[in-house]
Each structure stands twice: as structure tokens, then as C-alpha cells.
Protein backbone atom coordinates (compact mmCIF):
# COMPACT_ATOMS: atom_id res chain seq x y z
CA MET A 1 124.91 43.06 58.05
CA LYS A 2 123.05 44.77 56.52
CA ILE A 3 120.83 46.04 60.00
CA LEU A 4 124.01 46.70 61.76
CA LEU A 5 125.16 48.92 58.54
CA SER A 6 122.26 50.63 58.93
CA ILE A 7 122.60 51.55 62.49
CA LEU A 8 125.89 53.25 61.81
CA VAL A 9 124.88 55.27 59.21
CA LEU A 10 122.38 56.90 61.07
CA LEU A 11 124.77 57.05 64.22
CA ALA A 12 127.63 59.24 62.16
CA PRO A 13 126.32 62.08 61.79
CA PHE A 14 125.83 62.58 65.82
CA ASN A 15 128.77 64.63 67.38
CA PHE A 16 128.98 61.94 71.01
CA SER A 17 130.94 65.01 72.84
CA ALA A 18 128.04 67.07 72.78
CA PHE A 19 126.02 64.50 74.07
CA ALA A 20 128.14 65.05 77.36
CA TRP A 21 128.02 66.23 81.13
CA PRO A 22 129.47 68.50 82.28
CA PRO A 23 128.71 71.56 79.75
CA ALA A 24 131.49 72.41 76.97
CA GLN A 25 132.09 76.12 75.68
CA ALA A 26 131.06 76.62 72.74
CA ASP A 27 131.91 78.75 69.40
CA HIS A 28 130.69 81.93 69.45
CA PRO A 29 131.71 85.17 67.10
CA LYS A 30 134.03 87.00 68.78
CA GLU A 31 131.81 90.49 67.52
CA GLU A 32 129.07 88.69 70.28
CA ALA A 33 131.47 88.04 72.99
CA SER A 34 130.33 90.87 75.41
CA ILE A 35 127.17 93.04 75.84
CA ASN A 36 127.31 95.95 77.75
CA ASP A 37 131.17 95.29 78.57
CA ARG A 38 130.53 91.73 79.94
CA THR A 39 131.86 88.95 78.62
CA ILE A 40 129.43 86.63 77.26
CA GLU A 41 130.44 82.20 77.25
CA VAL A 42 127.94 79.69 75.78
CA PHE A 43 128.17 76.71 76.30
CA GLN A 44 126.52 72.81 74.83
CA HIS A 45 125.95 69.67 76.85
CA GLY A 46 124.11 66.74 76.51
CA VAL A 47 121.93 64.96 79.12
CA GLN A 48 122.01 62.76 82.53
CA PRO A 49 120.93 60.03 83.31
CA GLU A 50 118.88 61.38 86.25
CA TRP A 51 117.41 63.89 84.80
CA GLU A 52 115.09 61.22 82.99
CA TYR A 53 114.77 62.59 79.77
CA GLN A 54 113.20 59.58 76.76
CA SER A 55 116.01 60.43 74.68
CA PRO A 56 119.63 62.51 73.98
CA GLN A 57 119.52 65.82 73.36
CA GLN A 58 121.98 68.63 73.21
CA ASP A 59 121.05 72.04 75.23
CA THR A 60 123.01 75.47 75.02
CA PHE A 61 122.87 78.06 77.97
CA VAL A 62 124.60 81.29 78.26
CA VAL A 63 126.84 83.06 80.78
CA MET A 64 126.96 86.64 81.46
CA HIS A 65 130.21 87.77 83.48
CA PRO A 66 130.03 90.60 85.63
CA LYS A 67 131.61 94.07 84.83
CA ILE A 68 134.54 93.01 87.99
CA VAL A 69 134.76 89.58 87.82
CA ARG A 70 135.12 88.24 91.40
CA ASP A 71 134.50 84.60 93.27
CA ASN A 72 130.74 84.95 95.69
CA ALA A 73 129.30 87.05 93.35
CA PRO A 74 125.19 86.52 93.59
CA LEU A 75 123.94 84.61 90.20
CA TYR A 76 120.83 86.06 88.40
CA VAL A 77 119.20 83.17 86.81
CA VAL A 78 116.50 83.78 83.48
CA LEU A 79 113.70 81.83 82.05
CA HIS A 80 112.89 83.17 78.62
CA SER A 81 109.13 83.61 76.98
CA ALA A 82 107.69 81.34 74.50
CA GLY A 83 109.13 84.41 71.71
CA HIS A 84 112.60 83.63 72.15
CA ASP A 85 115.51 81.52 72.67
CA VAL A 86 118.48 81.64 75.00
CA PHE A 87 120.03 83.45 72.33
CA SER A 88 116.98 86.04 71.19
CA CYS A 89 116.69 86.23 75.37
CA VAL A 90 120.61 87.55 76.07
CA ASP A 91 119.77 90.05 72.63
CA CYS A 92 116.70 91.93 74.54
CA THR A 93 120.00 92.98 76.90
CA LYS A 94 121.48 95.09 75.08
CA THR A 95 118.21 97.19 74.87
CA VAL A 96 116.51 99.63 78.09
CA GLY A 97 113.07 98.76 78.12
CA ASN A 98 113.26 95.63 76.13
CA HIS A 99 112.16 92.61 78.17
CA ASP A 100 113.76 94.18 81.27
CA ILE A 101 113.83 91.60 83.89
CA TYR A 102 116.10 89.74 81.71
CA ARG A 103 118.60 92.45 82.77
CA SER A 104 121.33 91.39 85.30
CA PRO A 105 122.83 94.11 87.73
CA ASP A 106 126.70 94.28 86.37
CA ASP A 107 127.83 92.84 89.47
CA HIS A 108 126.07 89.37 89.14
CA TYR A 109 126.92 86.46 86.95
CA ALA A 110 123.83 85.61 84.79
CA LEU A 111 122.56 82.00 83.93
CA TYR A 112 120.52 82.20 80.57
CA LEU A 113 118.72 78.69 80.01
CA ASP A 114 116.91 77.79 77.15
CA CYS A 115 113.32 75.52 76.77
CA ARG A 116 112.91 76.05 73.28
CA LYS A 117 115.43 73.85 71.22
CA ASN A 118 113.63 70.53 72.03
CA LYS A 119 110.23 69.88 72.12
CA GLY A 120 109.06 67.87 74.77
CA ASP A 121 111.10 70.70 77.23
CA TRP A 122 108.24 74.01 75.91
CA TRP A 123 106.51 75.82 78.62
CA TRP A 124 109.43 74.76 81.30
CA GLY A 125 107.78 71.79 82.15
CA GLY A 126 104.76 73.95 82.83
CA MET A 127 100.76 74.00 81.17
CA HIS A 128 100.16 75.50 78.42
CA ARG A 129 96.14 76.82 78.98
CA GLY A 130 95.58 75.69 74.82
CA ASP A 131 97.45 72.58 74.80
CA LYS A 132 95.49 69.61 76.10
CA GLU A 133 97.99 66.96 75.58
CA LEU A 134 100.73 69.15 76.91
CA THR A 135 99.00 70.24 80.05
CA ARG A 136 98.07 66.53 80.50
CA LYS A 137 101.42 65.90 80.52
CA ASN A 138 102.98 68.31 82.67
CA SER A 139 100.15 68.18 85.32
CA GLY A 140 101.18 66.50 88.92
CA GLY A 141 103.57 67.13 91.63
CA GLU A 142 106.20 65.11 89.96
CA THR A 143 109.19 67.29 88.25
CA LYS A 144 110.49 66.63 84.30
CA PRO A 145 113.06 66.50 82.93
CA VAL A 146 113.01 70.03 81.52
CA GLU A 147 112.87 70.88 85.71
CA LYS A 148 115.94 68.67 86.75
CA ARG A 149 117.59 70.09 84.09
CA VAL A 150 117.41 73.76 84.67
CA MET A 151 118.48 72.89 88.41
CA ALA A 152 122.09 70.47 87.49
CA THR A 153 122.78 73.52 85.32
CA VAL A 154 121.87 75.93 87.94
CA ALA A 155 124.22 74.00 90.75
CA TRP A 156 126.96 74.02 88.35
CA ALA A 157 127.27 77.45 87.50
CA ILE A 158 127.38 77.31 91.24
CA LYS A 159 130.31 75.65 91.53
CA HIS A 160 131.76 76.69 88.43
CA TYR A 161 131.97 80.04 88.78
CA LYS A 162 132.30 79.81 92.92
CA ILE A 163 128.85 81.91 93.15
CA ASP A 164 127.92 82.34 96.63
CA PRO A 165 125.66 80.06 97.54
CA ASN A 166 123.00 82.56 99.76
CA ARG A 167 122.46 84.63 96.52
CA VAL A 168 120.94 83.01 93.63
CA TYR A 169 118.36 84.17 92.48
CA LEU A 170 114.85 83.13 89.77
CA SER A 171 113.81 84.84 86.63
CA GLY A 172 111.00 84.91 84.06
CA ASN A 173 108.96 86.42 81.79
CA SER A 174 105.44 85.32 80.15
CA MET A 175 106.12 81.44 80.07
CA GLY A 176 109.51 81.97 81.64
CA GLY A 177 107.25 83.76 84.48
CA SER A 178 105.40 80.55 84.48
CA GLY A 179 108.79 78.22 84.95
CA THR A 180 109.77 80.75 87.69
CA LEU A 181 106.94 79.86 90.15
CA GLY A 182 106.74 76.68 88.99
CA ILE A 183 110.46 75.70 89.38
CA GLY A 184 111.03 78.44 91.83
CA LEU A 185 108.78 77.61 94.43
CA ARG A 186 109.84 73.66 94.93
CA HIS A 187 113.55 75.24 95.64
CA GLY A 188 113.60 76.82 98.28
CA ASP A 189 117.72 74.96 99.22
CA VAL A 190 118.77 76.83 95.90
CA PHE A 191 116.96 79.82 95.57
CA ALA A 192 116.92 83.22 97.78
CA ALA A 193 114.09 84.84 95.64
CA ILE A 194 112.28 84.62 92.58
CA LYS A 195 110.28 87.69 90.33
CA ALA A 196 107.74 86.61 87.66
CA ASN A 197 107.07 89.32 85.21
CA VAL A 198 103.58 88.69 83.92
CA PRO A 199 103.50 84.63 83.98
CA ALA A 200 101.53 83.07 81.70
CA GLY A 201 99.49 80.76 84.25
CA VAL A 202 99.87 79.83 87.33
CA GLU A 203 99.13 75.93 86.95
CA HIS A 204 102.97 75.22 87.16
CA ALA A 205 103.48 76.56 90.75
CA SER A 206 99.67 74.96 91.81
CA GLN A 207 100.97 71.67 90.57
CA ARG A 208 104.29 71.42 91.74
CA MET A 209 103.48 72.52 95.22
CA PHE A 210 100.24 71.20 95.43
CA LEU A 211 98.17 74.40 95.67
CA PRO A 212 94.36 74.24 97.29
CA PRO A 213 92.24 72.33 95.97
CA ARG A 214 95.18 69.69 95.99
CA LYS A 215 96.59 68.97 99.06
CA ILE A 216 100.62 67.50 99.84
CA PRO A 217 100.63 63.93 99.60
CA ASN A 218 102.07 61.99 103.16
CA GLY A 219 106.13 62.31 103.01
CA VAL A 220 106.32 64.95 100.49
CA ILE A 221 108.26 67.74 102.38
CA PHE A 222 109.09 70.73 100.57
CA HIS A 223 111.73 73.35 101.08
CA ASP A 224 110.76 76.56 102.88
CA PRO A 225 109.84 78.42 99.21
CA PRO A 226 112.03 81.23 98.60
CA LEU A 227 110.40 84.94 98.91
CA CYS A 228 108.53 85.36 95.82
CA ILE A 229 107.40 88.24 94.01
CA ASP A 230 105.09 88.04 90.61
CA TYR A 231 103.39 91.21 89.23
CA SER A 232 100.75 90.73 86.24
CA GLY A 233 98.00 92.60 84.23
CA HIS A 234 94.79 91.69 85.57
CA ASN A 235 93.52 92.79 82.23
CA ASP A 236 95.52 89.70 81.00
CA ARG A 237 94.24 86.56 79.95
CA TRP A 238 97.49 85.17 81.11
CA SER A 239 96.77 86.00 84.60
CA ASP A 240 93.39 84.16 85.23
CA GLY A 241 93.46 82.07 88.42
CA HIS A 242 95.32 84.89 90.52
CA ASP A 243 93.04 84.82 93.46
CA LEU A 244 92.95 81.19 94.32
CA PHE A 245 97.08 81.23 93.77
CA SER A 246 97.03 84.38 96.38
CA LYS A 247 95.25 83.04 98.51
CA ALA A 248 97.05 79.92 98.61
CA MET A 249 100.19 81.46 98.83
CA ASN A 250 98.60 83.32 102.12
CA ASP A 251 96.69 80.50 103.25
CA ARG A 252 100.26 78.65 103.54
CA ASN A 253 102.23 81.54 104.82
CA TYR A 254 104.86 81.68 102.22
CA ALA A 255 106.24 84.72 102.08
CA PHE A 256 104.86 86.78 98.95
CA LEU A 257 104.71 89.59 97.10
CA CYS A 258 102.25 90.85 94.02
CA TYR A 259 101.34 94.07 92.22
CA TRP A 260 99.07 94.57 89.38
CA GLY A 261 97.19 97.01 87.15
CA PRO A 262 95.85 97.51 84.17
CA PHE A 263 99.48 96.79 82.10
CA GLY A 264 98.23 93.24 80.29
CA HIS A 265 100.91 91.61 79.20
CA ALA A 266 103.76 93.85 79.10
CA ASN A 267 107.45 93.23 79.75
CA ASN A 268 109.03 96.85 79.85
CA SER A 269 109.21 98.37 83.54
CA ALA A 270 108.93 101.92 82.78
CA ASN A 271 106.05 101.26 81.10
CA ILE A 272 104.18 98.96 83.50
CA LYS A 273 105.16 101.61 86.41
CA LYS A 274 102.78 104.17 84.75
CA THR A 275 100.19 102.27 85.58
CA ASN A 276 101.61 100.74 89.49
CA ASP A 277 105.19 101.97 90.40
CA LEU A 278 105.54 99.56 92.86
CA ILE A 279 107.09 96.78 90.89
CA ASP A 280 110.65 97.38 91.68
CA SER A 281 110.29 98.83 95.07
CA PHE A 282 111.27 95.79 96.74
CA ASP A 283 114.79 94.69 97.02
CA TRP A 284 114.56 91.49 96.41
CA LEU A 285 118.35 91.11 94.80
CA SER A 286 119.38 91.33 98.80
CA MET A 287 118.00 88.46 100.10
CA ARG A 288 120.08 85.70 101.59
CA LYS A 289 118.74 82.29 102.14
CA ASP A 290 120.89 82.48 104.98
CA GLN A 291 119.15 85.01 106.53
CA SER A 292 115.72 85.03 108.86
CA TYR A 293 113.07 86.83 107.25
CA PRO A 294 109.39 87.22 107.95
CA VAL A 295 106.26 86.37 106.46
CA PHE A 296 103.47 88.62 105.64
CA ALA A 297 99.44 87.38 106.20
CA ASN A 298 96.35 88.70 105.86
CA ALA A 299 97.55 92.46 105.98
CA SER A 300 94.80 94.40 106.00
CA CYS A 301 96.50 97.01 103.87
CA ASN A 302 96.66 95.07 101.50
CA SER A 303 94.84 95.68 98.30
CA LYS A 304 91.16 93.74 96.84
CA LEU A 305 92.49 91.35 94.44
CA PRO A 306 90.72 92.16 90.69
CA TRP A 307 90.66 88.63 90.12
CA PRO A 308 87.89 87.21 89.52
CA ASP A 309 85.38 89.73 88.77
CA ASN A 310 86.55 92.79 88.72
CA LEU A 311 88.85 92.50 85.71
CA ASN A 312 87.82 95.77 83.83
CA SER A 313 89.21 97.95 86.72
CA LYS A 314 91.45 100.60 86.15
CA GLU A 315 93.11 100.40 89.62
CA ALA A 316 96.27 99.22 90.59
CA GLY A 317 97.03 96.78 93.51
CA GLN A 318 99.44 94.99 95.81
CA ILE A 319 100.07 92.10 98.27
CA ASN A 320 102.17 92.88 101.15
CA ALA A 321 103.77 95.70 99.26
CA PHE A 322 105.03 98.13 102.22
CA PHE A 323 106.27 95.88 104.93
CA ARG A 324 110.20 96.05 105.21
CA TRP A 325 112.34 94.16 108.46
CA LYS A 326 115.91 94.53 109.17
CA ASN A 327 117.83 92.29 111.38
CA PHE A 328 120.04 93.25 114.13
CA GLU A 329 120.63 90.16 115.56
CA ASP A 330 120.31 86.18 113.44
CA THR A 331 121.53 83.41 115.60
CA ALA A 332 120.34 79.96 116.12
CA GLU A 333 119.80 81.34 120.13
CA ILE A 334 118.58 84.59 119.54
CA LEU A 335 116.80 86.50 116.17
CA GLU A 336 116.07 90.49 116.99
CA MET A 337 114.59 92.32 114.19
CA SER A 338 112.78 95.13 113.36
CA LEU A 339 109.43 95.48 111.66
CA PHE A 340 108.47 98.72 109.79
CA LEU A 341 105.79 99.84 107.07
CA VAL A 342 107.34 101.95 104.13
CA SER A 343 105.03 104.72 101.97
């Protein structure tokens, strides 16, 4: 009897309604109910068995509405950096220049997720070079519970807000950039394009995609990855490995645009553009999952990579930055497309 009473006492403080799915709207101060004239909603939820968490946990995410709400709007998904949680990430959007990758266009819904609250979710399921145990735990091709939670939340948002399923985009800064590559490349069935600002490591993507020297195991089949944009400061220690990553993306014929320069671990787009003004030159949010697109590889107009031997270079560079295309006819029988270069 004493044991039973002890268990009841331990369980009493928990709010079981918070450990549930689907998500439930949470209380939020009225003065924080909108940012930049866009409505904010806060949701909380528990876990699903198929995510394979070892114990119950509560998570929070934030949805920012477009200024003019409509059905079939695009969805802009954001993964925060190690210096933020979901709320401070959203708060950055109040100010231009403060982690600009977090700011979605006014006609998009935006979904902000969190990996800070629960320790097992750290680094969005990826690898921190300074944490051997985290790297050991999260290495390999198997997706982790936090990755499954992210994708389930995206699926919920698509259905709940009647999102255009062909216009879902993933973005992130630093740790969130690492997560964007690691989670996004595996889910070309969901994301039309992904964009990573100074990703804090490429190991997450390399592990999940079995990039060389690994090989895709027999029986493992990926959807075609979404178009990937990656911009990194080659004088940023977190950018190490971009030589191998870029080669693997090229050799696998994955759609890849890469920009670099001596801008360090920056998050202010205007400052980055002082070094490399190409980072926003491609309209990645025009990509659609239901439209064909070309992939470019081994282009003679690509810049020479600064990794791993020229990290003190003052030069900026790019991979596939100048290619554009226009679809004239895109059916099961006919594909007519114009390819051209921009300067």
C-alpha cells in the first residue's frame, strides 16, 4: 500500500492533458499575441508512441499566421540555434538583422519548433563535435525521436492550416542549420526546398544520408532530396567538412547551391552580403514539390572551394549560384524547360 501511495504522490503533479496528441493551444499573454501585425499561436503536446521517446515529455511550438490568412498558403518551418529556444527564436523576428533566416515572408505561415526544453532532443538529433556522447548516440542512419516529432508537427500544421503541400520549406541557423540539413535532406517528400544559415556541422546530414565514405544500405530508399541552399563562413570552425559535403552532394546529383566567404558565424544577412551578395539571390521559396527542376553538377563556373586548405582566404565563392530555369510544359508525357545563366 505504501508503494502504491508513493506512486500516486509522484504522479499527482503531472498534467496528463499536456502529455497528449494532437497539440492543444496554450495560454499566451495578450500583449504577445502578435508580432509585426501577424497573429501568434502557442501549442503544447505530449509524445506519440511511434516517435520512440524513452519517457513522456511536453513540447511547445509556435505558429505565426500570414498577415492575410488564406487557405493553401505556404509554410515556412524554422529550427532555432543553440543560443535560442522557440520563444527567443520567434522574438528575433521583431527586428530585421537579428537572425534573418528566422523571418518568414508575410504571406506564409511560419512554424517554430523547439529542441532546448528536453535534453534528449539537443542538436535536433544531430552531432555536436565537442560532445562525444551526443555524437555516439545520434550517429547512424536511423532518425531520432526529435526528428520524428519535427516531421509529425509539420504534418499536423499542413493539415490544420490547410497549407499548400507543395510549398513547405525548412530553414535554420547554426545548430538549426545542422538540423535543417540533417532532417530536411531526408524528407524530399515533404519539403520543396531547405536553406541553412551557417550550419553548425554537416555530420547530421552526412550520417542520415549515408554520404561517402558511407554507402546507402541495400533496401534503404530515399525520396529525392529537396533543393538545398547552404551558406557558411569558411573562417567559421563549424563549417569544417564542407569540402566532403559539397563533393558528396555533387556526386549524388542532389540539387545544391552553396555560398561562402569570410563572414564567420554570422546571422545578419546584410552583413553577410557585404562579403557575399549572392546568399539571397535564388528565390528558394518559389520552388514547388510538384514541379520539375534541373540539377547541375561539375559546373566549370563553380568557385574553388576554400576547404580544407585555404580557410584564411578573403575571397567569397559559390556553387551553382548562377543557374536558372523556366518550365514551359511539365506533364507525365512532356517536359519543356529553358535553362539560362544570370550574372
